[in-house]
Protein backbone atom coordinates (compact mmCIF):
# COMPACT_ATOMS: atom_id res chain seq x y z
CA MET A 1 5.72 1.27 37.36
CA ASN A 2 4.94 5.77 37.24
CA LEU A 3 1.42 5.39 35.71
CA THR A 4 0.94 9.16 35.44
CA ALA A 5 4.16 9.93 34.03
CA TYR A 6 3.66 7.08 31.88
CA ARG A 7 0.42 8.95 30.61
CA ASP A 8 1.67 11.90 30.38
CA ASP A 9 3.77 10.89 28.06
CA ALA A 10 1.22 8.10 25.63
CA GLU A 11 -0.84 11.78 25.46
CA GLU A 12 2.06 13.30 24.18
CA PHE A 13 3.28 10.56 21.76
CA VAL A 14 -0.66 10.14 20.56
CA SER A 15 -0.80 13.88 19.79
CA SER A 16 2.13 14.22 17.99
CA LEU A 17 1.52 11.19 16.01
CA ASP A 18 -2.05 12.19 15.66
CA ARG A 19 -0.59 16.09 14.27
CA GLU A 20 1.51 14.49 11.58
CA TYR A 21 -1.46 12.30 10.62
CA TYR A 22 -3.91 15.50 10.09
CA ARG A 23 -0.61 17.53 8.48
CA HIS A 24 -0.20 15.01 6.01
CA PHE A 25 -3.30 13.01 4.93
CA ALA A 26 -5.37 16.87 4.83
CA GLY A 27 -2.35 17.22 2.10
CA LEU A 28 -0.54 20.16 3.87
CA GLN A 29 2.98 18.99 4.22
CA ASP A 30 4.55 15.61 2.19
CA GLU A 31 6.42 14.00 4.80
CA PHE A 32 5.04 11.53 7.59
CA ASP A 33 7.49 11.23 10.00
CA ILE A 34 6.34 8.64 11.93
CA GLU A 35 9.70 7.37 12.91
CA THR A 36 11.56 10.76 15.28
CA ILE A 37 7.53 10.20 17.10
CA TYR A 38 7.79 6.42 17.92
CA GLU A 39 11.98 7.53 18.50
CA ARG A 40 11.47 10.01 20.31
CA HIS A 41 8.50 8.05 23.22
CA ALA A 42 10.11 4.62 21.79
CA GLU A 43 9.92 3.69 26.28
CA LEU A 44 6.71 4.06 26.29
CA PHE A 45 6.32 0.60 23.26
CA SER A 46 9.45 -1.31 25.57
CA ARG A 47 9.10 -5.31 26.10
CA ASP A 48 9.40 -3.91 30.10
CA SER A 49 6.81 -0.94 29.71
CA VAL A 50 4.31 -3.74 27.65
CA GLN A 51 5.40 -6.36 30.89
CA ARG A 52 4.54 -4.25 32.66
CA LEU A 53 0.97 -2.69 32.15
CA ARG A 54 0.28 -6.68 31.56
CA GLU A 55 0.76 -6.72 35.68
CA GLU A 56 -0.70 -3.73 36.62
CA GLY A 57 -1.90 -1.28 33.66
CA THR A 58 -5.07 -0.04 32.59
CA THR A 59 -7.40 -3.22 29.57
CA GLN A 60 -7.28 0.77 26.99
CA LEU A 61 -3.79 1.30 28.57
CA VAL A 62 -2.43 -2.35 27.83
CA GLU A 63 -3.97 -2.74 24.42
CA PHE A 64 -1.86 0.45 23.26
CA ALA A 65 1.42 -0.18 24.66
CA VAL A 66 1.27 -3.55 22.42
CA HIS A 67 -0.59 -1.66 19.76
CA GLY A 68 2.45 0.77 19.75
CA PHE A 69 5.09 -1.94 20.37
CA ILE A 70 4.12 -3.43 16.68
CA GLY A 71 3.22 0.25 15.58
CA ARG A 72 7.18 0.60 16.43
CA ALA A 73 8.35 -2.03 15.03
CA THR A 74 6.37 -1.47 11.69
CA LYS A 75 6.51 2.58 11.64
CA GLU A 76 9.17 2.23 8.48
CA GLU A 77 6.34 0.66 5.89
CA SER A 78 4.07 2.52 7.76
CA ALA A 79 5.62 5.54 7.01
CA GLU A 80 7.03 5.05 3.28
CA LEU A 81 3.89 3.57 2.31
CA ALA A 82 2.00 6.76 2.81
CA ARG A 83 4.67 8.89 0.98
CA ARG A 84 4.74 6.60 -1.75
CA GLU A 85 0.91 6.73 -2.10
CA ALA A 86 1.36 10.96 -2.20
CA ALA A 87 3.28 10.84 -4.43
CA LEU A 88 1.69 7.90 -6.46
CA GLU A 89 0.20 8.88 -10.10
CA ILE A 90 -1.54 6.85 -12.62
CA GLU A 91 -2.03 7.32 -16.48
CA LEU A 92 -5.36 7.56 -17.91
CA GLU A 93 -5.81 8.47 -21.70
CA GLY A 94 -2.03 9.60 -21.33
CA GLU A 95 -3.14 11.72 -18.58
CA GLN A 96 -0.91 12.03 -15.34
CA LEU A 97 -3.47 12.19 -12.28
CA PRO A 98 -2.36 12.34 -8.88
CA PHE A 99 -3.62 9.01 -6.56
CA ARG A 100 -5.56 10.58 -4.19
CA GLN A 101 -7.50 12.77 -5.95
CA SER A 102 -8.31 9.98 -8.45
CA ALA A 103 -10.54 8.01 -6.29
CA VAL A 104 -12.58 11.52 -6.03
CA ILE A 105 -12.68 11.49 -10.00
CA GLN A 106 -13.64 8.43 -10.07
CA ALA A 107 -16.44 9.26 -7.35
CA ASN A 108 -17.82 12.22 -10.04
CA GLU A 109 -17.10 10.28 -13.86
CA ARG A 110 -20.07 9.16 -15.13
CA ASP A 111 -18.91 6.76 -18.05
CA PRO A 112 -18.52 3.64 -16.69
CA GLU A 113 -15.86 2.26 -18.80
CA ARG A 114 -13.93 5.15 -17.58
CA ARG A 115 -14.47 4.85 -14.13
CA ALA A 116 -13.31 1.08 -14.92
CA ALA A 117 -10.19 2.39 -16.45
CA ILE A 118 -9.87 4.56 -13.08
CA GLU A 119 -10.26 1.97 -10.65
CA THR A 120 -7.75 -0.87 -13.25
CA ALA A 121 -5.32 2.17 -13.03
CA ARG A 122 -5.87 2.00 -9.39
CA LEU A 123 -5.56 -1.30 -8.48
CA ASP A 124 -2.44 -1.73 -10.30
CA ALA A 125 -0.57 0.79 -9.07
CA ALA A 126 -1.50 0.22 -5.72
CA GLU A 127 -0.48 -3.69 -6.26
CA ARG A 128 2.96 -2.55 -7.35
CA GLU A 129 4.36 0.53 -5.74
CA LEU A 130 2.10 -0.36 -1.78
CA ASP A 131 1.54 -4.09 -1.58
CA PRO A 132 5.06 -5.43 -1.03
CA LEU A 133 5.00 -2.20 1.63
CA LEU A 134 1.45 -3.23 3.01
CA ARG A 135 2.98 -7.61 3.34
CA GLU A 136 5.71 -6.79 4.62
CA ALA A 137 4.47 -5.02 7.74
CA LEU A 138 1.37 -7.37 7.96
CA GLU A 139 3.75 -10.68 8.14
CA ARG A 140 5.97 -9.05 11.18
CA SER A 141 3.31 -7.44 12.46
CA HIS A 142 1.70 -11.56 12.86
CA ALA A 143 5.57 -12.33 14.37
CA LEU A 144 4.87 -10.00 16.69
CA ALA A 145 2.11 -11.32 18.55
CA LYS A 146 3.70 -14.63 18.96
CA GLU A 147 6.92 -12.78 20.00
CA LEU A 148 4.79 -11.44 22.56
CA GLY A 149 3.32 -14.54 23.41
CA TRP A 150 -0.13 -14.72 21.47
CA PRO A 151 -0.64 -17.54 19.39
CA SER A 152 -1.71 -15.30 16.59
CA MET A 153 -2.19 -11.83 15.92
CA ARG A 154 -6.64 -12.76 16.27
CA ALA A 155 -6.17 -14.18 19.91
CA MET A 156 -4.12 -10.94 20.44
CA CYS A 157 -6.74 -8.70 19.23
CA GLU A 158 -9.46 -10.67 21.15
CA GLU A 159 -7.42 -10.85 24.74
CA LEU A 160 -6.56 -7.38 24.85
CA SER A 161 -10.10 -5.85 23.42
CA GLY A 162 -12.66 -7.97 25.77
CA ILE A 163 -14.36 -8.54 22.03
CA ASP A 164 -15.50 -12.11 21.47
CA LEU A 165 -14.75 -11.92 17.40
CA GLY A 166 -16.25 -15.15 16.60
CA ALA A 167 -18.73 -14.72 18.41
CA LEU A 168 -19.73 -11.13 16.16
CA GLU A 169 -18.82 -13.32 13.03
CA SER A 170 -21.43 -15.62 14.00
CA GLN A 171 -23.64 -13.13 14.08
CA THR A 172 -23.46 -10.66 10.54
CA SER A 173 -23.14 -14.43 9.03
CA ALA A 174 -26.34 -15.04 9.97
CA PHE A 175 -27.05 -11.36 8.69
CA LEU A 176 -25.63 -12.25 5.71
CA ASP A 177 -28.23 -15.58 5.84
CA SER A 178 -30.96 -13.41 6.62
CA THR A 179 -30.36 -10.93 3.91
CA GLU A 180 -29.28 -12.68 1.00
CA SER A 181 -32.81 -13.14 -0.59
CA THR A 182 -34.18 -9.48 -0.38
CA TYR A 183 -30.18 -8.00 -0.87
CA GLU A 184 -30.61 -7.29 -4.73
CA GLU A 185 -34.46 -6.34 -4.88
CA ILE A 186 -33.25 -3.72 -2.45
CA VAL A 187 -30.80 -2.13 -3.94
CA SER A 188 -31.68 -2.56 -7.51
CA GLY A 189 -34.01 0.67 -7.41
CA PRO A 190 -31.11 2.33 -6.76
CA LEU A 191 -28.72 1.38 -8.60
CA GLU A 192 -30.97 1.44 -12.03
CA THR A 193 -31.41 5.09 -10.76
CA GLU A 194 -27.87 5.65 -10.20
CA LEU A 195 -25.76 3.62 -12.61
CA GLY A 196 -28.89 2.81 -16.05
CA TYR A 197 -28.31 -0.56 -15.33
CA GLY A 198 -28.35 -3.23 -12.18
CA PHE A 199 -26.44 -6.41 -10.86
CA ASP A 200 -25.93 -7.36 -14.56
CA ARG A 201 -23.54 -4.79 -15.38
CA PHE A 202 -22.48 -3.94 -11.71
CA GLN A 203 -18.60 -3.24 -10.89
CA ARG A 204 -17.15 -2.41 -8.42
CA ALA A 205 -15.69 0.66 -10.04
CA ASP A 206 -18.98 1.86 -9.83
CA MET A 207 -19.12 1.73 -6.08
CA ALA A 208 -18.22 5.76 -5.62
CA TYR A 209 -20.81 5.80 -8.17
CA PHE A 210 -24.05 4.98 -7.03
CA PHE A 211 -23.06 6.13 -3.19
CA ARG A 212 -21.86 9.09 -4.60
CA ALA A 213 -25.27 8.94 -6.19
CA PRO A 214 -25.23 12.15 -8.04
CA SER A 215 -29.49 11.80 -8.74
CA LEU A 216 -30.11 13.49 -5.34
CA ASP A 217 -27.85 16.82 -6.57
CA GLY A 218 -30.11 18.51 -6.28
CA VAL A 219 -32.07 16.99 -2.73
CA TYR A 220 -27.87 17.93 -1.38
CA PRO A 221 -26.84 21.31 -2.34
CA ASP A 222 -23.10 22.21 -1.25
CA ALA A 223 -23.70 25.37 -1.04
CA ARG A 224 -26.36 24.13 1.97
CA LEU A 225 -23.49 21.15 3.04
CA LEU A 226 -21.95 23.41 6.07
CA GLU A 227 -25.07 25.48 6.96
CA SER A 228 -27.25 22.73 7.44
CA LEU A 229 -24.00 21.27 9.95
CA GLU A 230 -24.42 24.02 11.66
CA GLN A 231 -27.91 24.47 12.36
CA THR A 232 -28.33 21.41 13.04
CA LEU A 233 -25.28 21.98 16.04
CA SER A 234 -27.31 24.84 17.23
CA GLY A 235 -30.78 23.94 17.56
CA LEU A 236 -28.61 20.84 19.81
CA HIS A 237 -26.56 23.84 21.90
CA LEU A 238 -23.50 22.00 20.83
CA ASP A 239 -21.05 24.39 19.86
CA PRO A 240 -17.30 23.18 21.64
CA PRO A 241 -14.00 25.68 20.97
CA GLY A 242 -12.17 23.10 19.95
CA VAL A 243 -13.78 21.20 16.58
CA ILE A 244 -11.53 22.39 13.34
CA LEU A 245 -13.04 21.64 10.02
CA ASP A 246 -10.92 21.77 7.12
CA VAL A 247 -12.96 20.75 3.99
CA ASP A 248 -10.69 22.93 1.33
CA GLN A 249 -9.33 20.60 -1.83
CA ARG A 250 -5.38 20.18 -1.85
CA PRO A 251 -3.86 17.60 -4.55
CA LYS A 252 -2.47 15.45 -1.94
CA LYS A 253 -5.44 15.28 0.17
CA THR A 254 -6.27 11.89 0.84
CA PRO A 255 -9.80 10.82 -0.75
CA ARG A 256 -10.96 9.02 2.66
CA ALA A 257 -12.59 11.10 5.74
CA PHE A 258 -10.97 11.55 8.89
CA CYS A 259 -10.58 13.07 12.75
CA ALA A 260 -8.29 14.28 13.90
CA PRO A 261 -8.05 14.68 17.86
CA VAL A 262 -4.96 16.23 18.38
CA ARG A 263 -5.03 18.04 21.16
CA VAL A 264 -8.51 15.89 23.41
CA PRO A 265 -10.82 18.36 24.38
CA ASP A 266 -9.42 21.56 22.72
CA GLU A 267 -7.74 21.01 18.97
CA VAL A 268 -9.66 18.45 16.95
CA TYR A 269 -9.29 18.43 13.66
CA LEU A 270 -12.58 17.58 10.51
CA VAL A 271 -11.22 16.52 7.21
CA ILE A 272 -13.40 15.83 4.51
CA ALA A 273 -12.11 16.03 0.15
CA ARG A 274 -15.38 16.65 -1.14
CA ARG A 275 -16.52 15.30 -3.39
CA GLY A 276 -20.84 17.06 -4.71
CA GLY A 277 -23.68 15.91 -3.37
CA ARG A 278 -25.37 13.69 -0.72
CA ASP A 279 -21.65 11.67 0.06
CA ASP A 280 -20.32 15.07 1.18
CA TYR A 281 -23.51 15.60 3.31
CA GLU A 282 -22.64 11.96 4.87
CA THR A 283 -18.88 12.13 5.23
CA LEU A 284 -19.05 15.81 7.02
CA PHE A 285 -22.49 14.66 9.53
CA HIS A 286 -20.11 11.25 10.39
CA GLU A 287 -17.01 13.47 10.84
CA ALA A 288 -18.75 15.74 13.25
CA GLY A 289 -19.97 12.66 15.08
CA HIS A 290 -16.50 12.08 15.87
CA ALA A 291 -15.16 15.43 16.14
CA GLN A 292 -18.28 16.07 19.04
CA HIS A 293 -18.18 12.95 20.66
CA PHE A 294 -14.02 14.09 21.81
CA ALA A 295 -14.34 17.48 21.94
CA HIS A 296 -16.89 17.37 24.75
CA MET A 297 -14.76 14.67 26.55
CA PRO A 298 -13.56 17.04 30.09
CA GLY A 299 -9.98 17.21 30.17
CA SER A 300 -10.04 15.69 33.67
CA LEU A 301 -10.54 12.03 31.84
CA PRO A 302 -7.64 9.83 31.97
CA MET A 303 -5.61 9.79 28.51
CA GLU A 304 -6.87 6.08 27.73
CA TYR A 305 -10.46 7.08 28.06
CA ARG A 306 -10.30 10.19 25.28
CA TYR A 307 -7.94 8.86 23.41
CA LEU A 308 -7.87 4.40 23.31
CA GLY A 309 -10.89 2.29 24.54
CA ASP A 310 -13.99 0.27 22.07
CA ASN A 311 -14.03 2.53 18.98
CA SER A 312 -17.60 0.88 18.46
CA ILE A 313 -18.79 3.73 20.36
CA THR A 314 -17.12 6.83 18.80
CA GLU A 315 -17.84 4.97 15.39
CA SER A 316 -21.66 4.98 17.44
CA PHE A 317 -21.55 9.27 17.54
CA ALA A 318 -20.55 9.40 13.92
CA PHE A 319 -23.52 7.18 12.43
CA LEU A 320 -25.60 8.77 14.58
CA PHE A 321 -24.98 12.49 12.86
CA GLN A 322 -24.31 10.43 9.59
CA HIS A 323 -28.00 8.88 9.66
CA LEU A 324 -29.15 12.51 10.03
CA THR A 325 -28.28 13.37 6.40
CA ALA A 326 -31.54 10.83 5.47
CA ASP A 327 -34.19 10.79 8.64
CA PRO A 328 -36.98 12.92 6.57
CA ALA A 329 -38.05 14.75 9.86
CA TRP A 330 -34.20 16.31 9.60
CA LEU A 331 -34.71 16.54 5.86
CA ARG A 332 -37.99 18.59 5.53
CA THR A 333 -36.76 20.04 8.53
CA ARG A 334 -32.98 21.69 7.31
CA LEU A 335 -33.47 21.13 3.90
CA ASP A 336 -36.92 21.27 2.76
CA ILE A 337 -37.58 18.43 1.65
CA GLN A 338 -40.95 17.36 1.80
CA GLU A 339 -41.11 13.40 -0.10
CA PRO A 340 -38.09 11.86 0.57
CA ALA A 341 -38.94 8.02 -0.89
CA ALA A 342 -36.43 8.36 -3.12
CA ILE A 343 -33.36 9.20 -0.88
CA GLU A 344 -34.52 6.35 1.93
CA ARG A 345 -34.24 3.75 -0.25
CA GLN A 346 -30.72 4.89 -2.05
CA PHE A 347 -29.92 5.35 2.19
CA ARG A 348 -31.22 2.47 2.67
CA ALA A 349 -29.48 -0.11 -0.22
CA VAL A 350 -26.04 1.91 0.32
CA LYS A 351 -26.17 0.68 4.05
CA LEU A 352 -27.24 -2.95 3.04
CA VAL A 353 -24.14 -2.92 0.88
CA PHE A 354 -22.21 -1.68 3.31
CA LEU A 355 -23.06 -3.77 6.22
CA ARG A 356 -22.73 -6.92 3.92
CA ARG A 357 -19.34 -5.61 2.49
CA TYR A 358 -17.92 -5.34 6.23
CA ALA A 359 -20.08 -9.16 7.01
CA ALA A 360 -17.63 -10.39 4.74
CA LYS A 361 -14.79 -8.24 5.72
CA LEU A 362 -14.54 -9.09 8.86
CA ALA A 363 -14.94 -13.22 8.05
CA TYR A 364 -12.19 -12.66 6.03
CA GLU A 365 -9.96 -10.63 8.55
CA LEU A 366 -10.96 -13.54 10.85
CA GLU A 367 -9.01 -15.98 8.55
CA LEU A 368 -5.72 -13.75 7.42
CA GLN A 369 -4.93 -12.56 11.09
CA ALA A 370 -5.67 -16.07 12.78
CA ALA A 371 -1.86 -17.02 11.96
CA PRO A 372 -1.86 -18.81 8.31
CA ALA A 373 0.61 -21.58 7.13
CA ALA A 374 0.68 -19.36 4.29
CA LEU A 375 -0.99 -15.97 3.04
CA ASP A 376 -1.26 -15.92 0.01
CA PRO A 377 -3.99 -18.18 -0.24
CA LEU A 378 -6.13 -15.52 1.33
CA ARG A 379 -6.08 -12.85 -1.42
CA GLU A 380 -8.61 -15.59 -3.21
CA VAL A 381 -10.24 -16.15 0.18
CA TYR A 382 -10.64 -12.45 -0.09
CA ALA A 383 -12.12 -12.60 -3.77
CA ARG A 384 -14.77 -14.59 -2.69
CA ARG A 385 -16.15 -13.39 0.50
CA LEU A 386 -17.29 -9.93 -1.44
CA SER A 387 -18.25 -11.41 -4.35
CA ASP A 388 -20.23 -13.70 -2.49
CA ALA A 389 -21.83 -11.18 0.07
CA LEU A 390 -22.11 -8.48 -2.82
CA HIS A 391 -23.06 -10.21 -5.72
CA ILE A 392 -20.72 -8.48 -8.12
CA GLU A 393 -17.28 -9.97 -9.02
CA TRP A 394 -14.77 -8.60 -7.02
CA PRO A 395 -11.55 -8.29 -7.52
CA SER A 396 -8.71 -9.78 -5.30
CA ALA A 397 -5.48 -7.39 -6.38
CA SER A 398 -6.82 -5.25 -2.85
CA TRP A 399 -7.09 -8.40 -0.38
CA LEU A 400 -4.17 -6.56 1.66
CA SER A 401 -4.83 -2.76 1.48
CA ASP A 402 -9.11 -3.25 1.93
CA VAL A 403 -8.31 -4.52 5.38
CA ASP A 404 -7.74 -2.53 8.38
CA PRO A 405 -5.13 -2.74 11.50
CA PHE A 406 -6.28 -4.58 14.80
CA PHE A 407 -9.90 -5.25 13.91
CA TYR A 408 -10.89 -1.84 12.81
CA ALA A 409 -13.83 -3.93 11.03
CA ALA A 410 -15.43 -5.07 14.53
CA ALA A 411 -15.40 -1.64 15.80
CA TYR A 412 -17.53 -0.41 13.03
CA ILE A 413 -19.82 -3.75 13.27
CA ARG A 414 -19.97 -3.21 16.41
CA ALA A 415 -20.72 0.70 16.38
CA TRP A 416 -24.07 0.21 13.66
CA ALA A 417 -25.84 -1.75 16.02
CA LEU A 418 -25.23 0.29 18.55
CA GLU A 419 -25.95 3.68 17.17
CA THR A 420 -29.98 1.93 16.57
CA HIS A 421 -30.12 1.86 20.51
CA VAL A 422 -28.94 5.28 20.88
CA ARG A 423 -31.07 6.53 18.23
CA ARG A 424 -34.58 5.05 19.20
CA LEU A 425 -33.48 6.66 22.87
CA LEU A 426 -33.46 9.42 21.64
CA HIS A 427 -36.75 9.44 19.21
CA GLU A 428 -38.02 8.18 22.43
CA ARG A 429 -36.89 10.81 24.82
CA PHE A 430 -37.82 13.75 22.42
CA GLY A 431 -39.19 13.08 19.35
CA GLU A 432 -38.60 12.72 15.68
CA LEU A 433 -36.82 16.35 15.86
CA TRP A 434 -34.49 15.76 18.77
CA PHE A 435 -31.54 17.31 16.29
CA GLU A 436 -33.67 20.39 17.71
CA GLU A 437 -34.02 20.05 21.41
CA PRO A 438 -31.76 21.60 23.17
CA GLU A 439 -32.05 18.43 26.31
CA ALA A 440 -31.43 16.02 23.55
CA GLY A 441 -27.87 17.57 22.96
CA GLU A 442 -27.59 17.23 26.76
CA PHE A 443 -28.21 13.91 27.07
CA LEU A 444 -25.88 13.38 24.06
CA ILE A 445 -23.02 15.39 26.67
CA ASP A 446 -23.41 13.66 29.08
CA LEU A 447 -22.55 10.28 27.86
CA TRP A 448 -19.72 11.71 25.15
CA ARG A 449 -18.68 13.24 29.17
CA GLN A 450 -17.34 9.51 29.82
CA GLY A 451 -15.33 9.26 27.24
CA GLN A 452 -14.67 5.62 26.03
CA SER A 453 -14.37 3.82 29.41
CA MET A 454 -16.71 1.48 28.94
CA ARG A 455 -16.78 -0.56 25.78
CA GLY A 456 -19.66 -0.52 23.56
CA ASP A 457 -21.66 -3.60 25.29
CA GLU A 458 -21.44 -2.19 28.01
CA LEU A 459 -22.52 0.98 27.67
CA LEU A 460 -25.80 -0.08 25.63
CA ARG A 461 -26.69 -2.01 28.74
CA GLU A 462 -26.13 0.57 31.35
CA LEU A 463 -28.42 2.93 28.81
CA THR A 464 -31.01 0.06 27.90
CA GLY A 465 -30.38 -3.22 29.76
CA ALA A 466 -30.35 -4.64 26.06
CA GLU A 467 -27.55 -6.87 24.72
CA LEU A 468 -25.25 -5.91 21.63
CA ASP A 469 -26.15 -7.75 18.29
CA PHE A 470 -25.54 -6.41 15.04
CA GLY A 471 -29.26 -8.40 13.65
CA ALA A 472 -30.69 -5.22 15.28
CA LEU A 473 -29.92 -4.23 12.36
CA LEU A 474 -33.12 -6.16 10.80
CA ASP A 475 -35.16 -4.04 12.24
CA ASP A 476 -33.43 -1.04 11.23
CA LEU A 477 -33.61 -1.98 7.74
CA LYS A 478 -37.23 -2.82 7.93
CA LEU A 479 -36.00 -6.73 7.79
CA VAL A 480 -37.90 -9.62 9.38
CA ALA A 481 -35.70 -11.37 12.01
């Protein structure tokens, strides 16, 4: 196999796919024509290519080929899902709301009954219009993993990624046990502040509003959002020409922010649908971490180190920048906030909710992707695990839509752990105002220049000699390990 030619074609495929993803999910076009892109590059994902790469290719290229093989087989479902979601509307009190935009409306809705009505309408629409396609794609993916010689999707992902998902789940399970007794104590105060009530009435429909934290709007003014990012990047002497911000509002723009590395490092899109307040700051800075990472990778790196690999690395840099928006020194310097206690309490509570949610998600997805005899019983497993972790009645309706492909939840979980170590290093070497130190920017650039040539655990071992362990989050949250 000519690996140079394969890399060139693979980069063209990824670039075309990311461009199509950007334009559709940014609300710039209704079409999501991934079928044409897959067929134009079909040879990348033939059985022969997969087999030959397993014999002589790099780990990242093998994983890319296998994921592409499955992606090509389920491309019609993926394209139709995007098209349906973009066109979908929900009805609320006689008013038609775009499905995607309704998530932004829900996050800003002060009335809990109206939030619940939006949530119900969204879940009903998703179950009716999207779930049949999601199920088709999931069942087909399970069958394809077996066709390629693995006993299950879980076994396939573990081998290709080099990540022991069972060991990771042991860490997240221990985290759930360790935080069980203090969870409500940590979350209740901020919950009362934002909702006016606690766990006795808390439900999933309230979560986006709780995360949005309208009580902190005065702390996080819309007018200073972009300016605060520009000042932070300037302090670190980070100004790569390839980053393009897309912060405009559009009716069909997805509410889920994303970074689209269309051409690494020369064309990297940062996309958010603004909701207002704290949420926008966290989201913008999270995606900025991704964008800076991609935009500082040398174009001379092999494509698999620029576009592929262990995404816990790029997610760790995203979490690093996101964390700044609740850092007392950053708040004092960038937003003139002298009393950050309420912000720290809110950030800590929200982070604990996210960590426990993803711990439960990982456990559920391990069951879902482990070649179950039947899928239907997993619906209640999903609801039970999320309900137990978050101490609320979690609806089972999102048991298919709340699943990212190929265990991406594991990338988030590992990234949260990795980020704590990188942040600690920056504080030790450059002080609490590290975000104003050009040398700290150079330190990050040195890491980014490696792309994703290593796994997250390998990068951490090289940096500090430590092992990547989710238990590090206990100390980060000021909880007893």
